[in-house]
Amino acid sequence: MSETQTTAKRQRTLIGQVVSNKMDKTVVVLVERRVKHPLYGKIIVRSNKYKAHDETNQYNEGDTVEITEGRPISRSKSWTVVRLIEAARVI
């Protein structure tokens, strides 16, 4: 394969809310998606939690962030926080 041809693999990105930042350099991000029930047709919410790498420990609980998939960093962490979309509102 020549160097002029690049095989840019599209990375998966997800948007979710930080639910925990108690670990060092790691945040837990809750990603919710809405799907239609196959039989009844009702819209239901499905959710997954992803551990994401946060090098500078700058994200707090309640922040909305974008994460992207990458190489495995630890046994359970293969996502990295890319950017802050919305900071948590302090009441």
PDB file of N, CA and C in Angstrom:
ATOM      1  N   MET A   1       0.854  -1.176   0.000  1.00  0.00           N
ATOM      2  CA  MET A   1       0.000   0.000   0.000  1.00  0.00           C
ATOM      3  C   MET A   1       0.894   1.231   0.000  1.00  0.00           C
ATOM      4  N   SER A   2       0.613   2.173  -0.870  1.00  0.00           N
ATOM      5  CA  SER A   2       1.445   3.367  -0.958  1.00  0.00           C
ATOM      6  C   SER A   2       1.097   4.356   0.145  1.00  0.00           C
ATOM      7  N   GLU A   3       2.018   5.302   0.370  1.00  0.00           N
ATOM      8  CA  GLU A   3       1.806   6.276   1.429  1.00  0.00           C
ATOM      9  C   GLU A   3       0.782   7.328   1.051  1.00  0.00           C
ATOM     10  N   THR A   4       0.454   7.438  -0.215  1.00  0.00           N
ATOM     11  CA  THR A   4      -0.533   8.435  -0.631  1.00  0.00           C
ATOM     12  C   THR A   4      -1.939   8.015  -0.235  1.00  0.00           C
ATOM     13  N   GLN A   5      -2.161   6.719  -0.154  1.00  0.00           N
ATOM     14  CA  GLN A   5      -3.463   6.234   0.266  1.00  0.00           C
ATOM     15  C   GLN A   5      -3.472   6.096   1.788  1.00  0.00           C
ATOM     16  N   THR A   6      -4.393   6.783   2.428  1.00  0.00           N
ATOM     17  CA  THR A   6      -4.509   6.666   3.868  1.00  0.00           C
ATOM     18  C   THR A   6      -5.770   5.899   4.204  1.00  0.00           C
ATOM     19  N   THR A   7      -5.644   5.025   5.156  1.00  0.00           N
ATOM     20  CA  THR A   7      -6.811   4.265   5.608  1.00  0.00           C
ATOM     21  C   THR A   7      -7.271   4.870   6.922  1.00  0.00           C
ATOM     22  N   ALA A   8      -8.018   5.932   6.830  1.00  0.00           N
ATOM     23  CA  ALA A   8      -8.524   6.605   8.026  1.00  0.00           C
ATOM     24  C   ALA A   8      -9.738   5.841   8.533  1.00  0.00           C
ATOM     25  N   LYS A   9      -9.575   5.189   9.669  1.00  0.00           N
ATOM     26  CA  LYS A   9     -10.663   4.432  10.261  1.00  0.00           C
ATOM     27  C   LYS A   9     -11.518   5.383  11.083  1.00  0.00           C
ATOM     28  N   ARG A  10     -12.799   5.359  10.859  1.00  0.00           N
ATOM     29  CA  ARG A  10     -13.706   6.250  11.568  1.00  0.00           C
ATOM     30  C   ARG A  10     -13.858   5.771  13.005  1.00  0.00           C
ATOM     31  N   GLN A  11     -13.604   6.672  13.964  1.00  0.00           N
ATOM     32  CA  GLN A  11     -13.713   6.317  15.369  1.00  0.00           C
ATOM     33  C   GLN A  11     -15.143   6.495  15.846  1.00  0.00           C
ATOM     34  N   ARG A  12     -15.562   5.604  16.744  1.00  0.00           N
ATOM     35  CA  ARG A  12     -16.891   5.731  17.339  1.00  0.00           C
ATOM     36  C   ARG A  12     -16.849   6.834  18.378  1.00  0.00           C
ATOM     37  N   THR A  13     -17.833   7.718  18.345  1.00  0.00           N
ATOM     38  CA  THR A  13     -17.943   8.752  19.359  1.00  0.00           C
ATOM     39  C   THR A  13     -19.332   8.689  19.965  1.00  0.00           C
ATOM     40  N   LEU A  14     -19.412   8.921  21.267  1.00  0.00           N
ATOM     41  CA  LEU A  14     -20.668   8.910  21.993  1.00  0.00           C
ATOM     42  C   LEU A  14     -20.745  10.151  22.864  1.00  0.00           C
ATOM     43  N   ILE A  15     -21.957  10.577  23.178  1.00  0.00           N
ATOM     44  CA  ILE A  15     -22.171  11.720  24.051  1.00  0.00           C
ATOM     45  C   ILE A  15     -22.938  11.238  25.271  1.00  0.00           C
ATOM     46  N   GLY A  16     -22.428  11.591  26.450  1.00  0.00           N
ATOM     47  CA  GLY A  16     -23.069  11.143  27.679  1.00  0.00           C
ATOM     48  C   GLY A  16     -22.769  12.068  28.836  1.00  0.00           C
ATOM     49  N   GLN A  17     -23.244  11.663  30.001  1.00  0.00           N
ATOM     50  CA  GLN A  17     -23.130  12.477  31.195  1.00  0.00           C
ATOM     51  C   GLN A  17     -22.207  11.788  32.201  1.00  0.00           C
ATOM     52  N   VAL A  18     -21.311  12.556  32.804  1.00  0.00           N
ATOM     53  CA  VAL A  18     -20.383  12.015  33.796  1.00  0.00           C
ATOM     54  C   VAL A  18     -21.159  11.718  35.076  1.00  0.00           C
ATOM     55  N   VAL A  19     -21.095  10.477  35.550  1.00  0.00           N
ATOM     56  CA  VAL A  19     -21.795  10.099  36.775  1.00  0.00           C
ATOM     57  C   VAL A  19     -20.831   9.859  37.934  1.00  0.00           C
ATOM     58  N   SER A  20     -19.532   9.695  37.652  1.00  0.00           N
ATOM     59  CA  SER A  20     -18.553   9.498  38.711  1.00  0.00           C
ATOM     60  C   SER A  20     -17.189   9.959  38.234  1.00  0.00           C
ATOM     61  N   ASN A  21     -16.469  10.651  39.141  1.00  0.00           N
ATOM     62  CA  ASN A  21     -15.094  11.045  38.842  1.00  0.00           C
ATOM     63  C   ASN A  21     -14.194  10.753  40.040  1.00  0.00           C
ATOM     64  N   LYS A  22     -14.524   9.716  40.790  1.00  0.00           N
ATOM     65  CA  LYS A  22     -13.785   9.403  42.011  1.00  0.00           C
ATOM     66  C   LYS A  22     -12.447   8.728  41.732  1.00  0.00           C
ATOM     67  N   MET A  23     -12.290   8.098  40.580  1.00  0.00           N
ATOM     68  CA  MET A  23     -11.036   7.430  40.259  1.00  0.00           C
ATOM     69  C   MET A  23     -10.035   8.433  39.695  1.00  0.00           C
ATOM     70  N   ASP A  24      -8.760   8.099  39.792  1.00  0.00           N
ATOM     71  CA  ASP A  24      -7.713   8.973  39.274  1.00  0.00           C
ATOM     72  C   ASP A  24      -7.613   8.802  37.760  1.00  0.00           C
ATOM     73  N   LYS A  25      -7.734   9.899  37.033  1.00  0.00           N
ATOM     74  CA  LYS A  25      -7.623   9.956  35.572  1.00  0.00           C
ATOM     75  C   LYS A  25      -8.696   9.126  34.870  1.00  0.00           C
ATOM     76  N   THR A  26      -9.829   8.895  35.521  1.00  0.00           N
ATOM     77  CA  THR A  26     -10.910   8.119  34.927  1.00  0.00           C
ATOM     78  C   THR A  26     -12.250   8.721  35.324  1.00  0.00           C
ATOM     79  N   VAL A  27     -13.161   8.786  34.362  1.00  0.00           N
ATOM     80  CA  VAL A  27     -14.538   9.182  34.652  1.00  0.00           C
ATOM     81  C   VAL A  27     -15.461   8.094  34.130  1.00  0.00           C
ATOM     82  N   VAL A  28     -16.621   7.959  34.762  1.00  0.00           N
ATOM     83  CA  VAL A  28     -17.642   7.016  34.302  1.00  0.00           C
ATOM     84  C   VAL A  28     -18.712   7.840  33.601  1.00  0.00           C
ATOM     85  N   VAL A  29     -18.979   7.499  32.333  1.00  0.00           N
ATOM     86  CA  VAL A  29     -19.913   8.255  31.504  1.00  0.00           C
ATOM     87  C   VAL A  29     -21.135   7.396  31.213  1.00  0.00           C
ATOM     88  N   LEU A  30     -22.325   7.937  31.511  1.00  0.00           N
ATOM     89  CA  LEU A  30     -23.587   7.253  31.243  1.00  0.00           C
ATOM     90  C   LEU A  30     -24.125   7.729  29.902  1.00  0.00           C
ATOM     91  N   VAL A  31     -24.269   6.793  28.962  1.00  0.00           N
ATOM     92  CA  VAL A  31     -24.770   7.113  27.624  1.00  0.00           C
ATOM     93  C   VAL A  31     -26.165   6.508  27.497  1.00  0.00           C
ATOM     94  N   GLU A  32     -27.154   7.357  27.231  1.00  0.00           N
ATOM     95  CA  GLU A  32     -28.532   6.896  27.070  1.00  0.00           C
ATOM     96  C   GLU A  32     -28.931   6.971  25.607  1.00  0.00           C
ATOM     97  N   ARG A  33     -29.708   5.984  25.175  1.00  0.00           N
ATOM     98  CA  ARG A  33     -30.233   5.996  23.811  1.00  0.00           C
ATOM     99  C   ARG A  33     -31.690   5.570  23.856  1.00  0.00           C
ATOM    100  N   ARG A  34     -32.459   6.119  22.975  1.00  0.00           N
ATOM    101  CA  ARG A  34     -33.881   5.818  22.922  1.00  0.00           C
ATOM    102  C   ARG A  34     -34.142   4.870  21.750  1.00  0.00           C
ATOM    103  N   VAL A  35     -34.816   3.750  22.057  1.00  0.00           N
ATOM    104  CA  VAL A  35     -35.129   2.763  21.030  1.00  0.00           C
ATOM    105  C   VAL A  35     -36.608   2.433  21.092  1.00  0.00           C
ATOM    106  N   LYS A  36     -37.118   2.010  19.969  1.00  0.00           N
ATOM    107  CA  LYS A  36     -38.517   1.614  19.887  1.00  0.00           C
ATOM    108  C   LYS A  36     -38.632   0.130  20.217  1.00  0.00           C
ATOM    109  N   HIS A  37     -39.566  -0.235  21.088  1.00  0.00           N
ATOM    110  CA  HIS A  37     -39.776  -1.631  21.447  1.00  0.00           C
ATOM    111  C   HIS A  37     -40.239  -2.391  20.204  1.00  0.00           C
ATOM    112  N   PRO A  38     -39.626  -3.554  19.932  1.00  0.00           N
ATOM    113  CA  PRO A  38     -39.946  -4.247  18.679  1.00  0.00           C
ATOM    114  C   PRO A  38     -41.387  -4.721  18.555  1.00  0.00           C
ATOM    115  N   LEU A  39     -42.045  -5.052  19.672  1.00  0.00           N
ATOM    116  CA  LEU A  39     -43.406  -5.558  19.602  1.00  0.00           C
ATOM    117  C   LEU A  39     -44.443  -4.480  19.899  1.00  0.00           C
ATOM    118  N   TYR A  40     -44.225  -3.719  20.970  1.00  0.00           N
ATOM    119  CA  TYR A  40     -45.246  -2.791  21.432  1.00  0.00           C
ATOM    120  C   TYR A  40     -45.105  -1.382  20.869  1.00  0.00           C
ATOM    121  N   GLY A  41     -43.943  -1.049  20.330  1.00  0.00           N
ATOM    122  CA  GLY A  41     -43.783   0.242  19.686  1.00  0.00           C
ATOM    123  C   GLY A  41     -43.500   1.403  20.625  1.00  0.00           C
ATOM    124  N   LYS A  42     -43.478   1.158  21.925  1.00  0.00           N
ATOM    125  CA  LYS A  42     -43.210   2.233  22.883  1.00  0.00           C
ATOM    126  C   LYS A  42     -41.723   2.584  22.865  1.00  0.00           C
ATOM    127  N   ILE A  43     -41.418   3.875  23.006  1.00  0.00           N
ATOM    128  CA  ILE A  43     -40.042   4.323  23.071  1.00  0.00           C
ATOM    129  C   ILE A  43     -39.525   4.080  24.483  1.00  0.00           C
ATOM    130  N   ILE A  44     -38.413   3.325  24.582  1.00  0.00           N
ATOM    131  CA  ILE A  44     -37.816   3.045  25.884  1.00  0.00           C
ATOM    132  C   ILE A  44     -36.375   3.528  25.886  1.00  0.00           C
ATOM    133  N   VAL A  45     -35.860   3.785  27.088  1.00  0.00           N
ATOM    134  CA  VAL A  45     -34.501   4.309  27.229  1.00  0.00           C
ATOM    135  C   VAL A  45     -33.574   3.176  27.627  1.00  0.00           C
ATOM    136  N   ARG A  46     -32.529   2.973  26.848  1.00  0.00           N
ATOM    137  CA  ARG A  46     -31.480   2.005  27.154  1.00  0.00           C
ATOM    138  C   ARG A  46     -30.234   2.801  27.527  1.00  0.00           C
ATOM    139  N   SER A  47     -29.467   2.296  28.479  1.00  0.00           N
ATOM    140  CA  SER A  47     -28.287   3.038  28.892  1.00  0.00           C
ATOM    141  C   SER A  47     -27.114   2.097  29.120  1.00  0.00           C
ATOM    142  N   ASN A  48     -25.908   2.623  28.905  1.00  0.00           N
ATOM    143  CA  ASN A  48     -24.664   1.912  29.172  1.00  0.00           C
ATOM    144  C   ASN A  48     -23.716   2.858  29.877  1.00  0.00           C
ATOM    145  N   LYS A  49     -22.863   2.298  30.712  1.00  0.00           N
ATOM    146  CA  LYS A  49     -21.833   3.098  31.371  1.00  0.00           C
ATOM    147  C   LYS A  49     -20.482   2.728  30.776  1.00  0.00           C
ATOM    148  N   TYR A  50     -19.687   3.743  30.464  1.00  0.00           N
ATOM    149  CA  TYR A  50     -18.358   3.553  29.905  1.00  0.00           C
ATOM    150  C   TYR A  50     -17.345   4.248  30.803  1.00  0.00           C
ATOM    151  N   LYS A  51     -16.219   3.579  31.071  1.00  0.00           N
ATOM    152  CA  LYS A  51     -15.121   4.220  31.773  1.00  0.00           C
ATOM    153  C   LYS A  51     -14.247   4.891  30.723  1.00  0.00           C
ATOM    154  N   ALA A  52     -13.975   6.190  30.913  1.00  0.00           N
ATOM    155  CA  ALA A  52     -13.224   6.959  29.936  1.00  0.00           C
ATOM    156  C   ALA A  52     -12.019   7.605  30.587  1.00  0.00           C
ATOM    157  N   HIS A  53     -10.951   7.736  29.823  1.00  0.00           N
ATOM    158  CA  HIS A  53      -9.702   8.315  30.311  1.00  0.00           C
ATOM    159  C   HIS A  53      -9.807   9.834  30.337  1.00  0.00           C
ATOM    160  N   ASP A  54      -9.438  10.418  31.484  1.00  0.00           N
ATOM    161  CA  ASP A  54      -9.439  11.867  31.686  1.00  0.00           C
ATOM    162  C   ASP A  54      -8.079  12.228  32.264  1.00  0.00           C
ATOM    163  N   GLU A  55      -7.139  12.573  31.399  1.00  0.00           N
ATOM    164  CA  GLU A  55      -5.741  12.763  31.800  1.00  0.00           C
ATOM    165  C   GLU A  55      -5.558  13.834  32.867  1.00  0.00           C
ATOM    166  N   THR A  56      -6.324  14.931  32.786  1.00  0.00           N
ATOM    167  CA  THR A  56      -6.099  16.066  33.685  1.00  0.00           C
ATOM    168  C   THR A  56      -7.093  16.149  34.834  1.00  0.00           C
ATOM    169  N   ASN A  57      -7.970  15.180  34.973  1.00  0.00           N
ATOM    170  CA  ASN A  57      -8.993  15.185  36.028  1.00  0.00           C
ATOM    171  C   ASN A  57      -9.806  16.470  36.038  1.00  0.00           C
ATOM    172  N   GLN A  58     -10.204  16.958  34.861  1.00  0.00           N
ATOM    173  CA  GLN A  58     -10.897  18.239  34.780  1.00  0.00           C
ATOM    174  C   GLN A  58     -12.409  18.115  34.679  1.00  0.00           C
ATOM    175  N   TYR A  59     -12.944  16.927  34.462  1.00  0.00           N
ATOM    176  CA  TYR A  59     -14.386  16.761  34.297  1.00  0.00           C
ATOM    177  C   TYR A  59     -15.022  16.343  35.615  1.00  0.00           C
ATOM    178  N   ASN A  60     -16.191  16.927  35.913  1.00  0.00           N
ATOM    179  CA  ASN A  60     -16.884  16.679  37.171  1.00  0.00           C
ATOM    180  C   ASN A  60     -18.209  15.992  36.922  1.00  0.00           C
ATOM    181  N   GLU A  61     -18.828  15.525  37.993  1.00  0.00           N
ATOM    182  CA  GLU A  61     -20.126  14.872  37.880  1.00  0.00           C
ATOM    183  C   GLU A  61     -21.158  15.844  37.330  1.00  0.00           C
ATOM    184  N   GLY A  62     -21.977  15.361  36.410  1.00  0.00           N
ATOM    185  CA  GLY A  62     -23.013  16.192  35.811  1.00  0.00           C
ATOM    186  C   GLY A  62     -22.616  16.822  34.497  1.00  0.00           C
ATOM    187  N   ASP A  63     -21.324  16.828  34.163  1.00  0.00           N
ATOM    188  CA  ASP A  63     -20.879  17.402  32.895  1.00  0.00           C
ATOM    189  C   ASP A  63     -21.318  16.511  31.739  1.00  0.00           C
ATOM    190  N   THR A  64     -21.676  17.122  30.628  1.00  0.00           N
ATOM    191  CA  THR A  64     -21.971  16.382  29.408  1.00  0.00           C
ATOM    192  C   THR A  64     -20.712  16.403  28.554  1.00  0.00           C
ATOM    193  N   VAL A  65     -20.221  15.221  28.180  1.00  0.00           N
ATOM    194  CA  VAL A  65     -18.949  15.112  27.468  1.00  0.00           C
ATOM    195  C   VAL A  65     -19.098  14.220  26.242  1.00  0.00           C
ATOM    196  N   GLU A  66     -18.132  14.333  25.361  1.00  0.00           N
ATOM    197  CA  GLU A  66     -18.047  13.465  24.188  1.00  0.00           C
ATOM    198  C   GLU A  66     -16.856  12.542  24.387  1.00  0.00           C
ATOM    199  N   ILE A  67     -17.079  11.231  24.184  1.00  0.00           N
ATOM    200  CA  ILE A  67     -16.008  10.255  24.336  1.00  0.00           C
ATOM    201  C   ILE A  67     -15.779   9.552  23.007  1.00  0.00           C
ATOM    202  N   THR A  68     -14.553   9.095  22.797  1.00  0.00           N
ATOM    203  CA  THR A  68     -14.221   8.385  21.573  1.00  0.00           C
ATOM    204  C   THR A  68     -13.496   7.087  21.930  1.00  0.00           C
ATOM    205  N   GLU A  69     -13.677   6.085  21.074  1.00  0.00           N
ATOM    206  CA  GLU A  69     -13.094   4.780  21.318  1.00  0.00           C
ATOM    207  C   GLU A  69     -11.652   4.756  20.834  1.00  0.00           C
ATOM    208  N   GLY A  70     -10.802   4.073  21.586  1.00  0.00           N
ATOM    209  CA  GLY A  70      -9.400   3.959  21.205  1.00  0.00           C
ATOM    210  C   GLY A  70      -8.827   2.649  21.666  1.00  0.00           C
ATOM    211  N   ARG A  71      -7.512   2.629  21.798  1.00  0.00           N
ATOM    212  CA  ARG A  71      -6.850   1.401  22.242  1.00  0.00           C
ATOM    213  C   ARG A  71      -7.135   1.163  23.720  1.00  0.00           C
ATOM    214  N   PRO A  72      -7.066  -0.073  24.190  1.00  0.00           N
ATOM    215  CA  PRO A  72      -7.303  -0.339  25.607  1.00  0.00           C
ATOM    216  C   PRO A  72      -6.238   0.313  26.479  1.00  0.00           C
ATOM    217  N   ILE A  73      -6.684   1.053  27.497  1.00  0.00           N
ATOM    218  CA  ILE A  73      -5.779   1.709  28.430  1.00  0.00           C
ATOM    219  C   ILE A  73      -5.630   0.861  29.686  1.00  0.00           C
ATOM    220  N   SER A  74      -6.701   0.200  30.082  1.00  0.00           N
ATOM    221  CA  SER A  74      -6.656  -0.743  31.203  1.00  0.00           C
ATOM    222  C   SER A  74      -7.641  -1.866  30.889  1.00  0.00           C
ATOM    223  N   ARG A  75      -7.902  -2.700  31.870  1.00  0.00           N
ATOM    224  CA  ARG A  75      -8.784  -3.842  31.627  1.00  0.00           C
ATOM    225  C   ARG A  75     -10.191  -3.415  31.236  1.00  0.00           C
ATOM    226  N   SER A  76     -10.684  -2.324  31.823  1.00  0.00           N
ATOM    227  CA  SER A  76     -12.061  -1.910  31.570  1.00  0.00           C
ATOM    228  C   SER A  76     -12.167  -0.541  30.902  1.00  0.00           C
ATOM    229  N   LYS A  77     -11.051   0.043  30.502  1.00  0.00           N
ATOM    230  CA  LYS A  77     -11.075   1.412  29.987  1.00  0.00           C
ATOM    231  C   LYS A  77     -10.457   1.474  28.597  1.00  0.00           C
ATOM    232  N   SER A  78     -11.307   1.730  27.582  1.00  0.00           N
ATOM    233  CA  SER A  78     -10.799   1.884  26.218  1.00  0.00           C
ATOM    234  C   SER A  78     -11.435   3.081  25.534  1.00  0.00           C
ATOM    235  N   TRP A  79     -11.973   4.005  26.305  1.00  0.00           N
ATOM    236  CA  TRP A  79     -12.560   5.226  25.778  1.00  0.00           C
ATOM    237  C   TRP A  79     -11.795   6.419  26.336  1.00  0.00           C
ATOM    238  N   THR A  80     -11.800   7.536  25.605  1.00  0.00           N
ATOM    239  CA  THR A  80     -11.106   8.752  26.030  1.00  0.00           C
ATOM    240  C   THR A  80     -12.060   9.929  25.882  1.00  0.00           C
ATOM    241  N   VAL A  81     -12.058  10.814  26.878  1.00  0.00           N
ATOM    242  CA  VAL A  81     -12.888  12.015  26.797  1.00  0.00           C
ATOM    243  C   VAL A  81     -12.240  12.975  25.812  1.00  0.00           C
ATOM    244  N   VAL A  82     -13.033  13.430  24.828  1.00  0.00           N
ATOM    245  CA  VAL A  82     -12.519  14.319  23.795  1.00  0.00           C
ATOM    246  C   VAL A  82     -12.755  15.772  24.161  1.00  0.00           C
ATOM    247  N   ARG A  83     -13.996  16.101  24.543  1.00  0.00           N
ATOM    248  CA  ARG A  83     -14.298  17.510  24.820  1.00  0.00           C
ATOM    249  C   ARG A  83     -15.494  17.618  25.743  1.00  0.00           C
ATOM    250  N   LEU A  84     -15.581  18.794  26.360  1.00  0.00           N
ATOM    251  CA  LEU A  84     -16.708  19.141  27.223  1.00  0.00           C
ATOM    252  C   LEU A  84     -17.774  19.791  26.369  1.00  0.00           C
ATOM    253  N   ILE A  85     -18.992  19.268  26.430  1.00  0.00           N
ATOM    254  CA  ILE A  85     -20.092  19.847  25.667  1.00  0.00           C
ATOM    255  C   ILE A  85     -20.849  20.856  26.520  1.00  0.00           C
ATOM    256  N   GLU A  86     -21.171  20.467  27.759  1.00  0.00           N
ATOM    257  CA  GLU A  86     -21.886  21.363  28.661  1.00  0.00           C
ATOM    258  C   GLU A  86     -21.454  21.065  30.085  1.00  0.00           C
ATOM    259  N   ALA A  87     -21.097  22.124  30.807  1.00  0.00           N
ATOM    260  CA  ALA A  87     -20.695  21.947  32.206  1.00  0.00           C
ATOM    261  C   ALA A  87     -21.940  21.769  33.069  1.00  0.00           C
ATOM    262  N   ALA A  88     -21.756  21.122  34.207  1.00  0.00           N
ATOM    263  CA  ALA A  88     -22.864  20.897  35.129  1.00  0.00           C
ATOM    264  C   ALA A  88     -23.292  22.216  35.737  1.00  0.00           C
ATOM    265  N   ARG A  89     -24.601  22.380  35.895  1.00  0.00           N
ATOM    266  CA  ARG A  89     -25.132  23.584  36.525  1.00  0.00           C
ATOM    267  C   ARG A  89     -25.087  23.416  38.034  1.00  0.00           C
ATOM    268  N   VAL A  90     -24.494  24.382  38.703  1.00  0.00           N
ATOM    269  CA  VAL A  90     -24.397  24.340  40.159  1.00  0.00           C
ATOM    270  C   VAL A  90     -25.604  25.061  40.734  1.00  0.00           C
ATOM    271  N   ILE A  91     -26.299  24.404  41.656  1.00  0.00           N
ATOM    272  CA  ILE A  91     -27.500  24.993  42.242  1.00  0.00           C
ATOM    273  C   ILE A  91     -27.153  25.624  43.578  1.00  0.00           C
TER     274      ILE A  91
END
